[in-house]
Amino acid sequence: MTYEDVRRTIAEITAEKLEKDVANIPPDARLREDLGVDSLTAVEIVWEIEEKFGMELPRELETSVRTVKDLVDFVAGKVAAGAANAST
């Protein structure tokens, strides 16, 4: 899975949970301030990401990431690490 695949999937999940068009979820958007993600929605987004990517994310992630790109970078790193571990 490429970085772009991760970015697109997270944008789609975020758009669905916020009932917005995916085009309105730019990478530099701040989750809380720009998109209006509250704590419940943050949990729902994280759960959906965990299900889609088959991974467990730390609970503090819900409060530690600021932008969509921060979230994508974190998940893409975990995906890459998982792929590297699977090939060894």
N, C-alpha and C. Protein backbone atom coordinates (compact mmCIF):
# COMPACT_ATOMS: atom_id res chain seq x y z
N MET A 1 0.86 -1.18 0.00
CA MET A 1 0.00 0.00 0.00
C MET A 1 0.90 1.23 0.00
N THR A 2 0.61 2.17 -0.88
CA THR A 2 1.43 3.37 -1.00
C THR A 2 0.97 4.46 -0.03
N TYR A 3 1.82 5.45 0.12
CA TYR A 3 1.47 6.61 0.94
C TYR A 3 0.18 7.25 0.41
N GLU A 4 0.06 7.36 -0.91
CA GLU A 4 -1.13 7.97 -1.51
C GLU A 4 -2.38 7.15 -1.20
N ASP A 5 -2.26 5.83 -1.18
CA ASP A 5 -3.40 4.97 -0.81
C ASP A 5 -3.83 5.26 0.63
N VAL A 6 -2.85 5.38 1.52
CA VAL A 6 -3.15 5.67 2.93
C VAL A 6 -3.82 7.05 3.02
N ARG A 7 -3.26 8.04 2.34
CA ARG A 7 -3.81 9.40 2.38
C ARG A 7 -5.26 9.42 1.90
N ARG A 8 -5.51 8.76 0.78
CA ARG A 8 -6.85 8.74 0.21
C ARG A 8 -7.83 8.03 1.15
N THR A 9 -7.42 6.91 1.71
CA THR A 9 -8.30 6.16 2.61
C THR A 9 -8.64 6.97 3.86
N ILE A 10 -7.65 7.62 4.44
CA ILE A 10 -7.90 8.42 5.64
C ILE A 10 -8.77 9.63 5.30
N ALA A 11 -8.55 10.24 4.17
CA ALA A 11 -9.41 11.37 3.75
C ALA A 11 -10.85 10.89 3.57
N GLU A 12 -11.03 9.72 2.98
CA GLU A 12 -12.38 9.18 2.79
C GLU A 12 -13.06 8.86 4.12
N ILE A 13 -12.33 8.25 5.04
CA ILE A 13 -12.87 7.94 6.37
C ILE A 13 -13.27 9.22 7.08
N THR A 14 -12.37 10.20 7.06
CA THR A 14 -12.64 11.47 7.74
C THR A 14 -13.84 12.17 7.12
N ALA A 15 -13.90 12.19 5.80
CA ALA A 15 -15.03 12.82 5.12
C ALA A 15 -16.35 12.13 5.48
N GLU A 16 -16.33 10.81 5.50
CA GLU A 16 -17.55 10.06 5.84
C GLU A 16 -18.01 10.39 7.26
N LYS A 17 -17.08 10.37 8.21
CA LYS A 17 -17.46 10.62 9.60
C LYS A 17 -17.94 12.05 9.82
N LEU A 18 -17.42 12.99 9.03
CA LEU A 18 -17.82 14.39 9.17
C LEU A 18 -18.95 14.78 8.22
N GLU A 19 -19.37 13.81 7.40
CA GLU A 19 -20.41 14.05 6.39
C GLU A 19 -20.04 15.23 5.49
N LYS A 20 -18.80 15.17 4.99
CA LYS A 20 -18.27 16.18 4.08
C LYS A 20 -17.81 15.50 2.80
N ASP A 21 -17.64 16.30 1.77
CA ASP A 21 -17.06 15.80 0.53
C ASP A 21 -15.57 15.59 0.75
N VAL A 22 -15.02 14.52 0.22
CA VAL A 22 -13.61 14.21 0.41
C VAL A 22 -12.72 15.33 -0.13
N ALA A 23 -13.20 16.07 -1.10
CA ALA A 23 -12.43 17.20 -1.64
C ALA A 23 -12.24 18.30 -0.60
N ASN A 24 -13.05 18.30 0.44
CA ASN A 24 -12.96 19.29 1.51
C ASN A 24 -12.12 18.82 2.69
N ILE A 25 -11.29 17.80 2.45
CA ILE A 25 -10.41 17.26 3.50
C ILE A 25 -8.95 17.38 3.01
N PRO A 26 -8.41 18.59 2.98
CA PRO A 26 -7.02 18.76 2.52
C PRO A 26 -6.02 18.26 3.56
N PRO A 27 -4.84 17.84 3.13
CA PRO A 27 -3.84 17.30 4.05
C PRO A 27 -3.45 18.27 5.16
N ASP A 28 -3.43 19.56 4.87
CA ASP A 28 -2.98 20.52 5.88
C ASP A 28 -4.09 20.98 6.81
N ALA A 29 -5.30 20.44 6.64
CA ALA A 29 -6.42 20.84 7.50
C ALA A 29 -6.17 20.35 8.93
N ARG A 30 -6.38 21.24 9.88
CA ARG A 30 -6.28 20.86 11.29
C ARG A 30 -7.58 20.16 11.66
N LEU A 31 -7.44 19.00 12.27
CA LEU A 31 -8.61 18.16 12.55
C LEU A 31 -9.64 18.88 13.40
N ARG A 32 -9.23 19.46 14.50
CA ARG A 32 -10.19 20.10 15.41
C ARG A 32 -10.59 21.49 14.92
N GLU A 33 -9.60 22.33 14.67
CA GLU A 33 -9.89 23.73 14.36
C GLU A 33 -10.53 23.93 12.99
N ASP A 34 -10.03 23.25 11.96
CA ASP A 34 -10.52 23.47 10.60
C ASP A 34 -11.69 22.56 10.23
N LEU A 35 -11.61 21.31 10.67
CA LEU A 35 -12.64 20.34 10.28
C LEU A 35 -13.71 20.12 11.34
N GLY A 36 -13.46 20.58 12.56
CA GLY A 36 -14.46 20.45 13.61
C GLY A 36 -14.55 19.06 14.21
N VAL A 37 -13.47 18.30 14.18
CA VAL A 37 -13.47 16.95 14.76
C VAL A 37 -13.51 17.09 16.28
N ASP A 38 -14.56 16.53 16.89
CA ASP A 38 -14.64 16.51 18.35
C ASP A 38 -14.09 15.18 18.86
N SER A 39 -14.07 15.00 20.16
CA SER A 39 -13.44 13.80 20.73
C SER A 39 -14.15 12.51 20.31
N LEU A 40 -15.47 12.52 20.23
CA LEU A 40 -16.19 11.33 19.82
C LEU A 40 -15.89 10.99 18.35
N THR A 41 -15.90 11.98 17.50
CA THR A 41 -15.59 11.76 16.09
C THR A 41 -14.16 11.28 15.92
N ALA A 42 -13.24 11.81 16.72
CA ALA A 42 -11.84 11.37 16.66
C ALA A 42 -11.74 9.88 16.97
N VAL A 43 -12.47 9.44 17.99
CA VAL A 43 -12.47 8.01 18.33
C VAL A 43 -13.03 7.19 17.18
N GLU A 44 -14.12 7.65 16.58
CA GLU A 44 -14.73 6.93 15.45
C GLU A 44 -13.78 6.84 14.26
N ILE A 45 -13.06 7.93 13.98
CA ILE A 45 -12.09 7.93 12.88
C ILE A 45 -10.98 6.93 13.17
N VAL A 46 -10.45 6.94 14.38
CA VAL A 46 -9.38 6.02 14.75
C VAL A 46 -9.86 4.57 14.66
N TRP A 47 -11.05 4.29 15.14
CA TRP A 47 -11.58 2.91 15.06
C TRP A 47 -11.70 2.46 13.61
N GLU A 48 -12.19 3.32 12.76
CA GLU A 48 -12.34 2.98 11.35
C GLU A 48 -10.98 2.74 10.70
N ILE A 49 -10.00 3.57 11.03
CA ILE A 49 -8.65 3.38 10.50
C ILE A 49 -8.09 2.04 10.97
N GLU A 50 -8.28 1.72 12.25
CA GLU A 50 -7.80 0.44 12.78
C GLU A 50 -8.43 -0.72 12.02
N GLU A 51 -9.72 -0.63 11.76
CA GLU A 51 -10.41 -1.70 11.04
C GLU A 51 -9.92 -1.81 9.60
N LYS A 52 -9.83 -0.67 8.91
CA LYS A 52 -9.41 -0.66 7.50
C LYS A 52 -8.00 -1.19 7.31
N PHE A 53 -7.09 -0.79 8.20
CA PHE A 53 -5.68 -1.13 8.04
C PHE A 53 -5.25 -2.32 8.87
N GLY A 54 -6.15 -2.87 9.69
CA GLY A 54 -5.81 -4.04 10.48
C GLY A 54 -4.70 -3.80 11.48
N MET A 55 -4.78 -2.66 12.15
CA MET A 55 -3.75 -2.31 13.13
C MET A 55 -4.39 -1.68 14.34
N GLU A 56 -3.64 -1.65 15.42
CA GLU A 56 -4.11 -0.95 16.61
C GLU A 56 -3.31 0.33 16.75
N LEU A 57 -4.01 1.42 16.98
CA LEU A 57 -3.37 2.72 17.14
C LEU A 57 -3.42 3.13 18.60
N PRO A 58 -2.40 3.85 19.06
CA PRO A 58 -2.41 4.29 20.46
C PRO A 58 -3.55 5.27 20.72
N ARG A 59 -4.20 5.16 21.86
CA ARG A 59 -5.34 6.03 22.19
C ARG A 59 -4.94 7.50 22.26
N GLU A 60 -3.71 7.77 22.67
CA GLU A 60 -3.29 9.17 22.74
C GLU A 60 -3.18 9.80 21.35
N LEU A 61 -3.20 8.99 20.31
CA LEU A 61 -3.15 9.51 18.95
C LEU A 61 -4.33 10.44 18.67
N GLU A 62 -5.47 10.12 19.29
CA GLU A 62 -6.67 10.93 19.08
C GLU A 62 -6.48 12.38 19.50
N THR A 63 -5.58 12.61 20.43
CA THR A 63 -5.34 13.97 20.91
C THR A 63 -3.99 14.53 20.49
N SER A 64 -3.10 13.67 19.99
CA SER A 64 -1.75 14.15 19.68
C SER A 64 -1.55 14.61 18.25
N VAL A 65 -2.34 14.11 17.31
CA VAL A 65 -2.18 14.56 15.92
C VAL A 65 -2.99 15.83 15.70
N ARG A 66 -2.44 16.75 14.94
CA ARG A 66 -3.12 18.03 14.70
C ARG A 66 -3.77 18.11 13.33
N THR A 67 -3.08 17.58 12.31
CA THR A 67 -3.58 17.73 10.95
C THR A 67 -3.87 16.36 10.31
N VAL A 68 -4.56 16.41 9.20
CA VAL A 68 -4.81 15.19 8.44
C VAL A 68 -3.47 14.58 8.04
N LYS A 69 -2.53 15.40 7.61
CA LYS A 69 -1.21 14.91 7.20
C LYS A 69 -0.49 14.22 8.36
N ASP A 70 -0.59 14.77 9.56
CA ASP A 70 0.02 14.12 10.74
C ASP A 70 -0.53 12.70 10.90
N LEU A 71 -1.83 12.57 10.75
CA LEU A 71 -2.47 11.27 10.89
C LEU A 71 -2.03 10.33 9.78
N VAL A 72 -2.00 10.83 8.55
CA VAL A 72 -1.56 10.02 7.41
C VAL A 72 -0.12 9.57 7.61
N ASP A 73 0.76 10.50 8.01
CA ASP A 73 2.16 10.15 8.21
C ASP A 73 2.32 9.05 9.26
N PHE A 74 1.58 9.15 10.35
CA PHE A 74 1.66 8.15 11.41
C PHE A 74 1.21 6.78 10.90
N VAL A 75 0.04 6.75 10.26
CA VAL A 75 -0.50 5.47 9.77
C VAL A 75 0.38 4.90 8.66
N ALA A 76 0.84 5.74 7.74
CA ALA A 76 1.70 5.27 6.65
C ALA A 76 2.99 4.67 7.21
N GLY A 77 3.51 5.27 8.28
CA GLY A 77 4.71 4.73 8.92
C GLY A 77 4.45 3.34 9.50
N LYS A 78 3.29 3.17 10.14
CA LYS A 78 2.93 1.86 10.71
C LYS A 78 2.71 0.84 9.59
N VAL A 79 2.09 1.27 8.49
CA VAL A 79 1.87 0.36 7.36
C VAL A 79 3.20 -0.08 6.78
N ALA A 80 4.13 0.88 6.59
CA ALA A 80 5.44 0.56 6.04
C ALA A 80 6.22 -0.37 6.97
N ALA A 81 6.14 -0.12 8.28
CA ALA A 81 6.83 -0.97 9.25
C ALA A 81 6.25 -2.38 9.23
N GLY A 82 4.94 -2.47 9.11
CA GLY A 82 4.30 -3.79 9.03
C GLY A 82 4.71 -4.54 7.79
N ALA A 83 4.81 -3.83 6.67
CA ALA A 83 5.22 -4.46 5.40
C ALA A 83 6.68 -4.92 5.49
N ALA A 84 7.52 -4.11 6.11
CA ALA A 84 8.93 -4.46 6.26
C ALA A 84 9.07 -5.70 7.16
N ASN A 85 8.30 -5.75 8.22
CA ASN A 85 8.36 -6.91 9.13
C ASN A 85 7.82 -8.16 8.45
N ALA A 86 6.83 -8.01 7.59
CA ALA A 86 6.24 -9.17 6.91
C ALA A 86 7.19 -9.75 5.89
N SER A 87 8.09 -8.93 5.34
CA SER A 87 8.99 -9.43 4.31
C SER A 87 10.28 -10.02 4.88
N THR A 88 10.47 -9.94 6.19
CA THR A 88 11.70 -10.48 6.79
C THR A 88 11.45 -11.83 7.40
